[in-house]
Amino acid sequence: MVKIGDIELGEFPLLLAPMEDVSDPPFRALCKENGADLMYTEFISSEGLIRDAVKSVQKLDIFEYERPVGIQIFGNNIESMEQATELTAAANPDIIDINYGCPVKKVAGKGAGAGILQDIPKMVAMTAAIVKSTNIPVTVKTRLGWNEETKYIVEVAERLQDVGIQGLSIHGRTRKQMYKGDADWTLIGDVKNNSRMHIPIFGNGDVTTPERVVEVKDRYGIDGVMIGRASIGYPWVFNEIKHFMATGQYLAAPTLKDRITAARRHLEMSVKWKGETLGVVEMRRHYGNYFKGISHFKEHRMKLVTQDQSADVFTALDEIERIFS
């Protein structure tokens, strides 16, 4: 049984990665229904929380049906991160996660996210301060290093464990790689198989098929996997992986009706959660995957991603059901 603190996650948990403008409550609801064992929120700016910025504070909202759920925070100032941890703890998540992995320039360029991989002593000091400031289990998501020359993850993992984190998710790329090239799981395996490590180690990066999950589990001995891009517009991925691991057989793919039903529900929840304009716009990244593999679909996909009103998107979904059923 894999545990973070006292939270039991099953024998080989599947985690939903924190993804900006993706891992929101509507999407998390669908992933939970489809087998995600632990989900993380979108990352939240520590400075935004302290300033009481509306977008940051809204991301603290979690719901009982999501549990166990972790809230992820990021920042480059230790004192601000401590304050943000206290504000986050008040939302009563099961876990507080620290983002040391985001590679985008607006985050990493300011020394937050993966940017802190250039200053390991500060990374350790920040982690220690956050752990001390809360009774909630703290986990970390990070990368192998800043670049090819600084892949110190085996040592970093030990140091983070020593200051009290209770779980570690590792993306198998450096910051310099962003999301290019193949994820390197060998170092993730080295962390897991380091005899000094006793906290759960979760791997992340290019986990796109059930076979790949079985392969990395067997080869590297990791405690679970964190799934990001493969889940966008495809929440079924969690149950598909679980079914394959249990039986060696593939779960039947979602039907067109399943896809349309999920897209409709997702859009309804998105609009309810974020309002009409943002709810419609932020759904657009999901439609390509919701309807991936359907022939002669380009015209319909264009309709889905260019409409500005939810009523028009619902009409387009009705049209898809009528034409393709």
C-alpha atoms as a PDB file:
ATOM      1  CA  MET A   1       0.000   0.000   0.000  1.00  0.00           C
ATOM      2  CA  VAL A   2       1.421   3.349  -1.078  1.00  0.00           C
ATOM      3  CA  LYS A   3       0.906   6.072   1.526  1.00  0.00           C
ATOM      4  CA  ILE A   4       1.609   9.786   1.750  1.00  0.00           C
ATOM      5  CA  GLY A   5       1.493  10.494   5.455  1.00  0.00           C
ATOM      6  CA  ASP A   6      -1.587   8.615   6.610  1.00  0.00           C
ATOM      7  CA  ILE A   7      -3.292   8.846   3.213  1.00  0.00           C
ATOM      8  CA  GLU A   8      -3.671   5.449   1.578  1.00  0.00           C
ATOM      9  CA  LEU A   9      -3.482   5.566  -2.218  1.00  0.00           C
ATOM     10  CA  GLY A  10      -3.665   1.887  -3.219  1.00  0.00           C
ATOM     11  CA  GLU A  11      -1.009  -0.471  -4.525  1.00  0.00           C
ATOM     12  CA  PHE A  12       0.063   1.562  -7.569  1.00  0.00           C
ATOM     13  CA  PRO A  13      -1.684   4.921  -7.632  1.00  0.00           C
ATOM     14  CA  LEU A  14      -2.309   6.996 -10.725  1.00  0.00           C
ATOM     15  CA  LEU A  15      -1.929  10.716 -10.096  1.00  0.00           C
ATOM     16  CA  LEU A  16      -3.377  13.587 -12.108  1.00  0.00           C
ATOM     17  CA  ALA A  17      -0.607  16.089 -12.737  1.00  0.00           C
ATOM     18  CA  PRO A  18      -1.082  19.746 -11.865  1.00  0.00           C
ATOM     19  CA  MET A  19      -1.535  21.556 -15.196  1.00  0.00           C
ATOM     20  CA  GLU A  20      -2.184  25.263 -15.598  1.00  0.00           C
ATOM     21  CA  ASP A  21      -5.641  25.996 -17.040  1.00  0.00           C
ATOM     22  CA  VAL A  22      -6.317  22.247 -17.215  1.00  0.00           C
ATOM     23  CA  SER A  23      -6.437  20.672 -13.736  1.00  0.00           C
ATOM     24  CA  ASP A  24      -9.400  22.744 -12.588  1.00  0.00           C
ATOM     25  CA  PRO A  25     -12.410  21.410 -10.627  1.00  0.00           C
ATOM     26  CA  PRO A  26     -14.480  20.500 -13.730  1.00  0.00           C
ATOM     27  CA  PHE A  27     -11.665  18.446 -15.224  1.00  0.00           C
ATOM     28  CA  ARG A  28     -10.751  16.920 -11.874  1.00  0.00           C
ATOM     29  CA  ALA A  29     -14.351  15.770 -11.437  1.00  0.00           C
ATOM     30  CA  LEU A  30     -14.172  13.808 -14.691  1.00  0.00           C
ATOM     31  CA  CYS A  31     -10.761  12.340 -13.853  1.00  0.00           C
ATOM     32  CA  LYS A  32     -11.932  11.256 -10.412  1.00  0.00           C
ATOM     33  CA  GLU A  33     -14.940   9.472 -11.926  1.00  0.00           C
ATOM     34  CA  ASN A  34     -12.596   7.718 -14.329  1.00  0.00           C
ATOM     35  CA  GLY A  35     -10.099   6.327 -11.857  1.00  0.00           C
ATOM     36  CA  ALA A  36      -7.588   8.990 -10.755  1.00  0.00           C
ATOM     37  CA  ASP A  37      -6.315   8.080  -7.271  1.00  0.00           C
ATOM     38  CA  LEU A  38      -4.793  11.426  -6.293  1.00  0.00           C
ATOM     39  CA  MET A  39      -5.276  14.746  -8.031  1.00  0.00           C
ATOM     40  CA  TYR A  40      -3.423  18.018  -7.814  1.00  0.00           C
ATOM     41  CA  THR A  41      -4.804  21.478  -8.489  1.00  0.00           C
ATOM     42  CA  GLU A  42      -3.390  23.895 -11.002  1.00  0.00           C
ATOM     43  CA  PHE A  43      -0.337  25.594  -9.537  1.00  0.00           C
ATOM     44  CA  ILE A  44      -1.069  28.666  -7.432  1.00  0.00           C
ATOM     45  CA  SER A  45       1.201  31.674  -7.094  1.00  0.00           C
ATOM     46  CA  SER A  46       2.314  32.336  -3.526  1.00  0.00           C
ATOM     47  CA  GLU A  47       2.415  36.054  -4.247  1.00  0.00           C
ATOM     48  CA  GLY A  48      -1.073  35.885  -5.748  1.00  0.00           C
ATOM     49  CA  LEU A  49      -2.420  34.213  -2.614  1.00  0.00           C
ATOM     50  CA  ILE A  50      -0.819  36.771  -0.340  1.00  0.00           C
ATOM     51  CA  ARG A  51      -2.218  39.636  -2.430  1.00  0.00           C
ATOM     52  CA  ASP A  52      -5.633  37.935  -2.388  1.00  0.00           C
ATOM     53  CA  ALA A  53      -5.679  37.852  -6.186  1.00  0.00           C
ATOM     54  CA  VAL A  54      -9.035  36.479  -7.335  1.00  0.00           C
ATOM     55  CA  LYS A  55      -7.654  33.908  -9.783  1.00  0.00           C
ATOM     56  CA  SER A  56      -5.188  32.518  -7.239  1.00  0.00           C
ATOM     57  CA  VAL A  57      -7.692  32.334  -4.394  1.00  0.00           C
ATOM     58  CA  GLN A  58     -10.312  30.645  -6.595  1.00  0.00           C
ATOM     59  CA  LYS A  59      -7.851  27.829  -7.287  1.00  0.00           C
ATOM     60  CA  LEU A  60      -7.921  26.931  -3.582  1.00  0.00           C
ATOM     61  CA  ASP A  61     -11.467  25.606  -3.940  1.00  0.00           C
ATOM     62  CA  ILE A  62     -11.598  21.852  -3.552  1.00  0.00           C
ATOM     63  CA  PHE A  63     -14.547  19.536  -3.006  1.00  0.00           C
ATOM     64  CA  GLU A  64     -15.133  16.512  -0.800  1.00  0.00           C
ATOM     65  CA  TYR A  65     -15.691  14.171  -3.754  1.00  0.00           C
ATOM     66  CA  GLU A  66     -12.163  14.928  -4.987  1.00  0.00           C
ATOM     67  CA  ARG A  67     -10.334  13.577  -1.964  1.00  0.00           C
ATOM     68  CA  PRO A  68      -7.562  12.832  -1.648  1.00  0.00           C
ATOM     69  CA  VAL A  69      -6.519  16.064  -3.361  1.00  0.00           C
ATOM     70  CA  GLY A  70      -3.374  18.160  -3.184  1.00  0.00           C
ATOM     71  CA  ILE A  71      -3.018  21.899  -3.692  1.00  0.00           C
ATOM     72  CA  GLN A  72       0.159  22.962  -5.479  1.00  0.00           C
ATOM     73  CA  ILE A  73       1.906  26.268  -4.824  1.00  0.00           C
ATOM     74  CA  PHE A  74       4.924  27.990  -6.378  1.00  0.00           C
ATOM     75  CA  GLY A  75       7.104  31.008  -5.714  1.00  0.00           C
ATOM     76  CA  ASN A  76      10.682  32.165  -5.291  1.00  0.00           C
ATOM     77  CA  ASN A  77      10.544  33.841  -1.869  1.00  0.00           C
ATOM     78  CA  ILE A  78      10.760  31.618   1.200  1.00  0.00           C
ATOM     79  CA  GLU A  79       8.769  33.928   3.478  1.00  0.00           C
ATOM     80  CA  SER A  80       6.020  34.313   0.876  1.00  0.00           C
ATOM     81  CA  MET A  81       5.872  30.549   0.411  1.00  0.00           C
ATOM     82  CA  GLU A  82       5.477  30.087   4.174  1.00  0.00           C
ATOM     83  CA  GLN A  83       2.585  32.556   4.210  1.00  0.00           C
ATOM     84  CA  ALA A  84       1.038  30.885   1.165  1.00  0.00           C
ATOM     85  CA  THR A  85       1.324  27.527   2.898  1.00  0.00           C
ATOM     86  CA  GLU A  86      -0.716  28.829   5.841  1.00  0.00           C
ATOM     87  CA  LEU A  87      -3.379  30.212   3.490  1.00  0.00           C
ATOM     88  CA  THR A  88      -3.411  26.928   1.548  1.00  0.00           C
ATOM     89  CA  ALA A  89      -3.720  24.860   4.713  1.00  0.00           C
ATOM     90  CA  ALA A  90      -6.865  26.827   5.615  1.00  0.00           C
ATOM     91  CA  ALA A  91      -8.522  25.335   2.501  1.00  0.00           C
ATOM     92  CA  ASN A  92      -8.001  21.914   4.131  1.00  0.00           C
ATOM     93  CA  PRO A  93      -6.343  19.931   1.338  1.00  0.00           C
ATOM     94  CA  ASP A  94      -5.042  16.443   2.029  1.00  0.00           C
ATOM     95  CA  ILE A  95      -1.604  17.396   0.675  1.00  0.00           C
ATOM     96  CA  ILE A  96       0.349  20.563  -0.085  1.00  0.00           C
ATOM     97  CA  ASP A  97       2.633  20.198  -3.100  1.00  0.00           C
ATOM     98  CA  ILE A  98       5.533  22.445  -4.034  1.00  0.00           C
ATOM     99  CA  ASN A  99       6.108  23.145  -7.718  1.00  0.00           C
ATOM    100  CA  TYR A 100       9.816  22.905  -8.507  1.00  0.00           C
ATOM    101  CA  GLY A 101       9.181  21.689 -12.040  1.00  0.00           C
ATOM    102  CA  CYS A 102       7.366  24.293 -14.155  1.00  0.00           C
ATOM    103  CA  PRO A 103       9.732  25.179 -17.017  1.00  0.00           C
ATOM    104  CA  VAL A 104       7.937  28.157 -18.571  1.00  0.00           C
ATOM    105  CA  LYS A 105       9.930  31.364 -18.725  1.00  0.00           C
ATOM    106  CA  LYS A 106       7.516  33.554 -16.765  1.00  0.00           C
ATOM    107  CA  VAL A 107       7.883  31.166 -13.792  1.00  0.00           C
ATOM    108  CA  ALA A 108      11.346  29.585 -14.069  1.00  0.00           C
ATOM    109  CA  GLY A 109      12.907  32.849 -15.234  1.00  0.00           C
ATOM    110  CA  LYS A 110      11.989  34.395 -11.889  1.00  0.00           C
ATOM    111  CA  GLY A 111      13.566  31.599  -9.877  1.00  0.00           C
ATOM    112  CA  ALA A 112      10.319  29.772  -9.143  1.00  0.00           C
ATOM    113  CA  GLY A 113       9.193  26.379 -10.480  1.00  0.00           C
ATOM    114  CA  ALA A 114      12.111  24.694 -12.223  1.00  0.00           C
ATOM    115  CA  GLY A 115      14.087  27.925 -11.848  1.00  0.00           C
ATOM    116  CA  ILE A 116      15.000  26.958  -8.293  1.00  0.00           C
ATOM    117  CA  LEU A 117      16.963  23.984  -9.684  1.00  0.00           C
ATOM    118  CA  GLN A 118      19.751  26.506 -10.220  1.00  0.00           C
ATOM    119  CA  ASP A 119      19.925  27.034  -6.449  1.00  0.00           C
ATOM    120  CA  ILE A 120      19.622  23.691  -4.673  1.00  0.00           C
ATOM    121  CA  PRO A 121      20.478  25.059  -1.190  1.00  0.00           C
ATOM    122  CA  LYS A 122      17.570  27.529  -1.502  1.00  0.00           C
ATOM    123  CA  MET A 123      15.316  24.734  -2.759  1.00  0.00           C
ATOM    124  CA  VAL A 124      16.125  22.672   0.340  1.00  0.00           C
ATOM    125  CA  ALA A 125      15.755  25.650   2.689  1.00  0.00           C
ATOM    126  CA  MET A 126      12.389  26.601   1.176  1.00  0.00           C
ATOM    127  CA  THR A 127      11.133  23.036   1.462  1.00  0.00           C
ATOM    128  CA  ALA A 128      12.226  22.807   5.096  1.00  0.00           C
ATOM    129  CA  ALA A 129      10.448  26.073   5.909  1.00  0.00           C
ATOM    130  CA  ILE A 130       7.223  24.908   4.265  1.00  0.00           C
ATOM    131  CA  VAL A 131       7.276  21.534   6.022  1.00  0.00           C
ATOM    132  CA  LYS A 132       7.774  23.260   9.386  1.00  0.00           C
ATOM    133  CA  SER A 133       4.909  25.678   8.772  1.00  0.00           C
ATOM    134  CA  THR A 134       2.161  23.054   8.380  1.00  0.00           C
ATOM    135  CA  ASN A 135       0.912  19.738   9.764  1.00  0.00           C
ATOM    136  CA  ILE A 136      -0.391  18.736   6.333  1.00  0.00           C
ATOM    137  CA  PRO A 137       1.834  16.296   4.379  1.00  0.00           C
ATOM    138  CA  VAL A 138       4.087  18.118   1.913  1.00  0.00           C
ATOM    139  CA  THR A 139       5.086  16.651  -1.451  1.00  0.00           C
ATOM    140  CA  VAL A 140       7.272  17.991  -4.256  1.00  0.00           C
ATOM    141  CA  LYS A 141       7.125  17.858  -8.040  1.00  0.00           C
ATOM    142  CA  THR A 142      10.383  18.568  -9.833  1.00  0.00           C
ATOM    143  CA  ARG A 143      12.620  17.695 -12.793  1.00  0.00           C
ATOM    144  CA  LEU A 144      15.923  15.899 -13.231  1.00  0.00           C
ATOM    145  CA  GLY A 145      17.832  19.175 -13.120  1.00  0.00           C
ATOM    146  CA  TRP A 146      18.232  22.533 -14.833  1.00  0.00           C
ATOM    147  CA  ASN A 147      20.190  21.121 -17.792  1.00  0.00           C
ATOM    148  CA  GLU A 148      22.210  18.076 -18.847  1.00  0.00           C
ATOM    149  CA  GLU A 149      25.145  19.149 -16.680  1.00  0.00           C
ATOM    150  CA  THR A 150      23.102  19.531 -13.476  1.00  0.00           C
ATOM    151  CA  LYS A 151      21.011  16.373 -13.185  1.00  0.00           C
ATOM    152  CA  TYR A 152      21.471  16.079  -9.419  1.00  0.00           C
ATOM    153  CA  ILE A 153      18.074  14.546  -8.731  1.00  0.00           C
ATOM    154  CA  VAL A 154      19.369  11.543  -6.730  1.00  0.00           C
ATOM    155  CA  GLU A 155      21.103  13.814  -4.226  1.00  0.00           C
ATOM    156  CA  VAL A 156      18.294  16.392  -4.313  1.00  0.00           C
ATOM    157  CA  ALA A 157      15.702  13.719  -3.539  1.00  0.00           C
ATOM    158  CA  GLU A 158      17.650  12.644  -0.457  1.00  0.00           C
ATOM    159  CA  ARG A 159      17.944  16.210   0.782  1.00  0.00           C
ATOM    160  CA  LEU A 160      14.254  16.929   0.271  1.00  0.00           C
ATOM    161  CA  GLN A 161      13.341  13.730   2.100  1.00  0.00           C
ATOM    162  CA  ASP A 162      15.694  14.687   4.928  1.00  0.00           C
ATOM    163  CA  VAL A 163      13.817  17.955   5.520  1.00  0.00           C
ATOM    164  CA  GLY A 164      10.484  16.189   5.692  1.00  0.00           C
ATOM    165  CA  ILE A 165       8.662  15.810   2.383  1.00  0.00           C
ATOM    166  CA  GLN A 166       6.423  12.735   2.228  1.00  0.00           C
ATOM    167  CA  GLY A 167       6.265  12.083  -1.511  1.00  0.00           C
ATOM    168  CA  LEU A 168       8.177  13.072  -4.645  1.00  0.00           C
ATOM    169  CA  SER A 169       7.051  13.239  -8.275  1.00  0.00           C
ATOM    170  CA  ILE A 170       9.808  13.500 -10.868  1.00  0.00           C
ATOM    171  CA  HIS A 171       9.375  14.583 -14.483  1.00  0.00           C
ATOM    172  CA  GLY A 172      12.023  12.812 -16.549  1.00  0.00           C
ATOM    173  CA  ARG A 173      13.341  15.896 -18.337  1.00  0.00           C
ATOM    174  CA  THR A 174      15.504  18.880 -17.483  1.00  0.00           C
ATOM    175  CA  ARG A 175      14.196  22.415 -17.497  1.00  0.00           C
ATOM    176  CA  LYS A 176      16.211  23.130 -20.630  1.00  0.00           C
ATOM    177  CA  GLN A 177      14.384  20.322 -22.460  1.00  0.00           C
ATOM    178  CA  MET A 178      10.981  21.805 -21.628  1.00  0.00           C
ATOM    179  CA  TYR A 179       8.722  19.070 -23.098  1.00  0.00           C
ATOM    180  CA  LYS A 180      10.976  18.133 -26.019  1.00  0.00           C
ATOM    181  CA  GLY A 181      12.791  14.860 -26.573  1.00  0.00           C
ATOM    182  CA  ASP A 182      12.034  11.680 -24.666  1.00  0.00           C
ATOM    183  CA  ALA A 183      11.652  11.598 -20.901  1.00  0.00           C
ATOM    184  CA  ASP A 184      14.606   9.831 -19.237  1.00  0.00           C
ATOM    185  CA  TRP A 185      13.302   7.416 -16.627  1.00  0.00           C
ATOM    186  CA  THR A 186      16.670   5.937 -15.648  1.00  0.00           C
ATOM    187  CA  LEU A 187      17.347   8.645 -13.071  1.00  0.00           C
ATOM    188  CA  ILE A 188      13.801   8.340 -11.726  1.00  0.00           C
ATOM    189  CA  GLY A 189      14.604   4.660 -11.210  1.00  0.00           C
ATOM    190  CA  ASP A 190      17.900   5.558  -9.523  1.00  0.00           C
ATOM    191  CA  VAL A 191      16.012   7.737  -7.028  1.00  0.00           C
ATOM    192  CA  LYS A 192      13.483   4.998  -6.306  1.00  0.00           C
ATOM    193  CA  ASN A 193      16.142   2.326  -5.921  1.00  0.00           C
ATOM    194  CA  ASN A 194      18.398   4.425  -3.694  1.00  0.00           C
ATOM    195  CA  SER A 195      18.488   2.504  -0.402  1.00  0.00           C
ATOM    196  CA  ARG A 196      18.291   5.770   1.533  1.00  0.00           C
ATOM    197  CA  MET A 197      14.892   6.646   0.108  1.00  0.00           C
ATOM    198  CA  HIS A 198      11.733   5.571   1.921  1.00  0.00           C
ATOM    199  CA  ILE A 199       9.080   8.004   0.649  1.00  0.00           C
ATOM    200  CA  PRO A 200       6.916   7.187  -2.401  1.00  0.00           C
ATOM    201  CA  ILE A 201       8.482   8.091  -5.756  1.00  0.00           C
ATOM    202  CA  PHE A 202       6.163   8.836  -8.671  1.00  0.00           C
ATOM    203  CA  GLY A 203       7.349   9.056 -12.273  1.00  0.00           C
ATOM    204  CA  ASN A 204       6.079  11.524 -14.838  1.00  0.00           C
ATOM    205  CA  GLY A 205       6.748  12.118 -18.527  1.00  0.00           C
ATOM    206  CA  ASP A 206       5.529  10.403 -21.707  1.00  0.00           C
ATOM    207  CA  VAL A 207       3.158   8.096 -19.832  1.00  0.00           C
ATOM    208  CA  THR A 208       0.698   7.795 -22.685  1.00  0.00           C
ATOM    209  CA  THR A 209      -0.325   4.121 -22.891  1.00  0.00           C
ATOM    210  CA  PRO A 210      -1.192   1.285 -20.495  1.00  0.00           C
ATOM    211  CA  GLU A 211       1.780  -0.707 -21.822  1.00  0.00           C
ATOM    212  CA  ARG A 212       4.143   2.136 -20.991  1.00  0.00           C
ATOM    213  CA  VAL A 213       2.864   2.260 -17.425  1.00  0.00           C
ATOM    214  CA  VAL A 214       3.460  -1.466 -16.965  1.00  0.00           C
ATOM    215  CA  GLU A 215       6.921  -1.086 -18.515  1.00  0.00           C
ATOM    216  CA  VAL A 216       8.076   1.716 -16.189  1.00  0.00           C
ATOM    217  CA  LYS A 217       6.548   0.000 -13.162  1.00  0.00           C
ATOM    218  CA  ASP A 218       8.371  -3.244 -13.864  1.00  0.00           C
ATOM    219  CA  ARG A 219      11.644  -1.708 -14.994  1.00  0.00           C
ATOM    220  CA  TYR A 220      12.100   1.038 -12.421  1.00  0.00           C
ATOM    221  CA  GLY A 221      10.068  -0.139  -9.422  1.00  0.00           C
ATOM    222  CA  ILE A 222       8.362   3.226  -8.958  1.00  0.00           C
ATOM    223  CA  ASP A 223       5.415   3.585  -6.593  1.00  0.00           C
ATOM    224  CA  GLY A 224       3.011   5.114  -9.106  1.00  0.00           C
ATOM    225  CA  VAL A 225       2.798   7.381 -12.125  1.00  0.00           C
ATOM    226  CA  MET A 226       1.673  10.947 -12.596  1.00  0.00           C
ATOM    227  CA  ILE A 227      -0.270  11.528 -15.799  1.00  0.00           C
ATOM    228  CA  GLY A 228      -0.440  14.931 -17.432  1.00  0.00           C
ATOM    229  CA  ARG A 229      -0.877  15.580 -21.133  1.00  0.00           C
ATOM    230  CA  ALA A 230      -2.301  12.115 -21.876  1.00  0.00           C
ATOM    231  CA  SER A 231      -5.337  12.975 -19.755  1.00  0.00           C
ATOM    232  CA  ILE A 232      -6.214  16.258 -21.493  1.00  0.00           C
ATOM    233  CA  GLY A 233      -9.565  15.684 -23.166  1.00  0.00           C
ATOM    234  CA  TYR A 234      -9.244  12.002 -22.274  1.00  0.00           C
ATOM    235  CA  PRO A 235     -10.102  11.351 -18.598  1.00  0.00           C
ATOM    236  CA  TRP A 236     -10.685   7.674 -19.436  1.00  0.00           C
ATOM    237  CA  VAL A 237      -6.921   7.090 -19.461  1.00  0.00           C
ATOM    238  CA  PHE A 238      -6.865   6.271 -15.731  1.00  0.00           C
ATOM    239  CA  ASN A 239      -9.390   3.433 -15.865  1.00  0.00           C
ATOM    240  CA  GLU A 240      -7.874   2.148 -19.109  1.00  0.00           C
ATOM    241  CA  ILE A 241      -4.493   1.831 -17.413  1.00  0.00           C
ATOM    242  CA  LYS A 242      -5.976   0.177 -14.325  1.00  0.00           C
ATOM    243  CA  HIS A 243      -7.920  -2.325 -16.404  1.00  0.00           C
ATOM    244  CA  PHE A 244      -4.848  -3.250 -18.449  1.00  0.00           C
ATOM    245  CA  MET A 245      -2.690  -3.650 -15.345  1.00  0.00           C
ATOM    246  CA  ALA A 246      -5.290  -5.896 -13.717  1.00  0.00           C
ATOM    247  CA  THR A 247      -6.200  -8.053 -16.703  1.00  0.00           C
ATOM    248  CA  GLY A 248      -3.671  -7.578 -19.489  1.00  0.00           C
ATOM    249  CA  GLN A 249      -6.634  -6.674 -21.669  1.00  0.00           C
ATOM    250  CA  TYR A 250      -7.637  -3.347 -23.160  1.00  0.00           C
ATOM    251  CA  LEU A 251     -10.750  -1.642 -21.848  1.00  0.00           C
ATOM    252  CA  ALA A 252     -13.176  -0.804 -24.619  1.00  0.00           C
ATOM    253  CA  ALA A 253     -12.516   2.699 -25.875  1.00  0.00           C
ATOM    254  CA  PRO A 254     -15.140   5.353 -25.130  1.00  0.00           C
ATOM    255  CA  THR A 255     -17.846   5.484 -27.752  1.00  0.00           C
ATOM    256  CA  LEU A 256     -18.688   8.662 -29.643  1.00  0.00           C
ATOM    257  CA  LYS A 257     -21.675   9.060 -27.331  1.00  0.00           C
ATOM    258  CA  ASP A 258     -19.361   8.755 -24.306  1.00  0.00           C
ATOM    259  CA  ARG A 259     -17.066  11.422 -25.747  1.00  0.00           C
ATOM    260  CA  ILE A 260     -19.891  13.833 -26.511  1.00  0.00           C
ATOM    261  CA  THR A 261     -21.465  13.301 -23.096  1.00  0.00           C
ATOM    262  CA  ALA A 262     -18.142  13.976 -21.371  1.00  0.00           C
ATOM    263  CA  ALA A 263     -17.438  17.062 -23.488  1.00  0.00           C
ATOM    264  CA  ARG A 264     -20.903  18.429 -22.734  1.00  0.00           C
ATOM    265  CA  ARG A 265     -20.562  17.870 -18.995  1.00  0.00           C
ATOM    266  CA  HIS A 266     -17.077  19.320 -19.010  1.00  0.00           C
ATOM    267  CA  LEU A 267     -18.258  22.455 -20.803  1.00  0.00           C
ATOM    268  CA  GLU A 268     -21.274  22.842 -18.509  1.00  0.00           C
ATOM    269  CA  MET A 269     -19.074  22.635 -15.417  1.00  0.00           C
ATOM    270  CA  SER A 270     -16.424  24.888 -16.949  1.00  0.00           C
ATOM    271  CA  VAL A 271     -18.912  27.659 -17.697  1.00  0.00           C
ATOM    272  CA  LYS A 272     -20.491  27.317 -14.273  1.00  0.00           C
ATOM    273  CA  TRP A 273     -17.064  27.474 -12.646  1.00  0.00           C
ATOM    274  CA  LYS A 274     -15.321  30.182 -14.675  1.00  0.00           C
ATOM    275  CA  GLY A 275     -18.113  32.104 -16.303  1.00  0.00           C
ATOM    276  CA  GLU A 276     -19.185  32.113 -19.952  1.00  0.00           C
ATOM    277  CA  THR A 277     -16.154  33.652 -21.653  1.00  0.00           C
ATOM    278  CA  LEU A 278     -13.307  31.915 -19.819  1.00  0.00           C
ATOM    279  CA  GLY A 279     -15.262  28.687 -19.451  1.00  0.00           C
ATOM    280  CA  VAL A 280     -15.686  28.430 -23.231  1.00  0.00           C
ATOM    281  CA  VAL A 281     -12.133  29.486 -24.102  1.00  0.00           C
ATOM    282  CA  GLU A 282     -10.346  27.167 -21.665  1.00  0.00           C
ATOM    283  CA  MET A 283     -12.319  24.159 -22.892  1.00  0.00           C
ATOM    284  CA  ARG A 284     -10.841  24.494 -26.381  1.00  0.00           C
ATOM    285  CA  ARG A 285      -7.637  22.634 -25.580  1.00  0.00           C
ATOM    286  CA  HIS A 286      -9.646  19.515 -24.714  1.00  0.00           C
ATOM    287  CA  TYR A 287     -11.711  19.006 -27.869  1.00  0.00           C
ATOM    288  CA  GLY A 288      -8.874  17.665 -30.035  1.00  0.00           C
ATOM    289  CA  ASN A 289      -8.435  14.730 -27.666  1.00  0.00           C
ATOM    290  CA  TYR A 290     -12.112  14.227 -26.930  1.00  0.00           C
ATOM    291  CA  PHE A 291     -12.622  13.514 -30.627  1.00  0.00           C
ATOM    292  CA  LYS A 292      -9.192  12.222 -31.616  1.00  0.00           C
ATOM    293  CA  GLY A 293      -9.159   9.590 -34.325  1.00  0.00           C
ATOM    294  CA  ILE A 294     -12.527  10.423 -35.876  1.00  0.00           C
ATOM    295  CA  SER A 295     -12.224  10.698 -39.649  1.00  0.00           C
ATOM    296  CA  HIS A 296     -13.238  13.859 -41.499  1.00  0.00           C
ATOM    297  CA  PHE A 297     -13.587  15.758 -38.248  1.00  0.00           C
ATOM    298  CA  LYS A 298     -11.510  18.877 -38.932  1.00  0.00           C
ATOM    299  CA  GLU A 299     -14.447  21.100 -39.887  1.00  0.00           C
ATOM    300  CA  HIS A 300     -16.316  20.155 -36.715  1.00  0.00           C
ATOM    301  CA  ARG A 301     -13.269  20.643 -34.514  1.00  0.00           C
ATOM    302  CA  MET A 302     -12.834  24.120 -35.952  1.00  0.00           C
ATOM    303  CA  LYS A 303     -16.412  24.931 -34.965  1.00  0.00           C
ATOM    304  CA  LEU A 304     -15.803  23.737 -31.423  1.00  0.00           C
ATOM    305  CA  VAL A 305     -12.689  25.863 -30.962  1.00  0.00           C
ATOM    306  CA  THR A 306     -13.905  29.055 -32.619  1.00  0.00           C
ATOM    307  CA  GLN A 307     -17.318  29.556 -31.015  1.00  0.00           C
ATOM    308  CA  ASP A 308     -17.457  32.188 -28.275  1.00  0.00           C
ATOM    309  CA  GLN A 309     -20.799  31.218 -26.760  1.00  0.00           C
ATOM    310  CA  SER A 310     -21.448  27.959 -24.934  1.00  0.00           C
ATOM    311  CA  ALA A 311     -24.868  27.649 -26.618  1.00  0.00           C
ATOM    312  CA  ASP A 312     -23.139  27.544 -30.011  1.00  0.00           C
ATOM    313  CA  VAL A 313     -20.670  24.913 -28.782  1.00  0.00           C
ATOM    314  CA  PHE A 314     -23.543  22.779 -27.503  1.00  0.00           C
ATOM    315  CA  THR A 315     -25.199  23.131 -30.914  1.00  0.00           C
ATOM    316  CA  ALA A 316     -21.968  22.001 -32.578  1.00  0.00           C
ATOM    317  CA  LEU A 317     -21.836  18.976 -30.264  1.00  0.00           C
ATOM    318  CA  ASP A 318     -25.452  18.127 -31.149  1.00  0.00           C
ATOM    319  CA  GLU A 319     -24.503  18.347 -34.818  1.00  0.00           C
ATOM    320  CA  ILE A 320     -21.537  16.004 -34.293  1.00  0.00           C
ATOM    321  CA  GLU A 321     -23.786  13.466 -32.598  1.00  0.00           C
ATOM    322  CA  ARG A 322     -26.327  13.664 -35.435  1.00  0.00           C
ATOM    323  CA  ILE A 323     -23.758  13.345 -38.227  1.00  0.00           C
ATOM    324  CA  PHE A 324     -21.412  10.720 -36.786  1.00  0.00           C
ATOM    325  CA  SER A 325     -23.795   8.479 -34.869  1.00  0.00           C
END
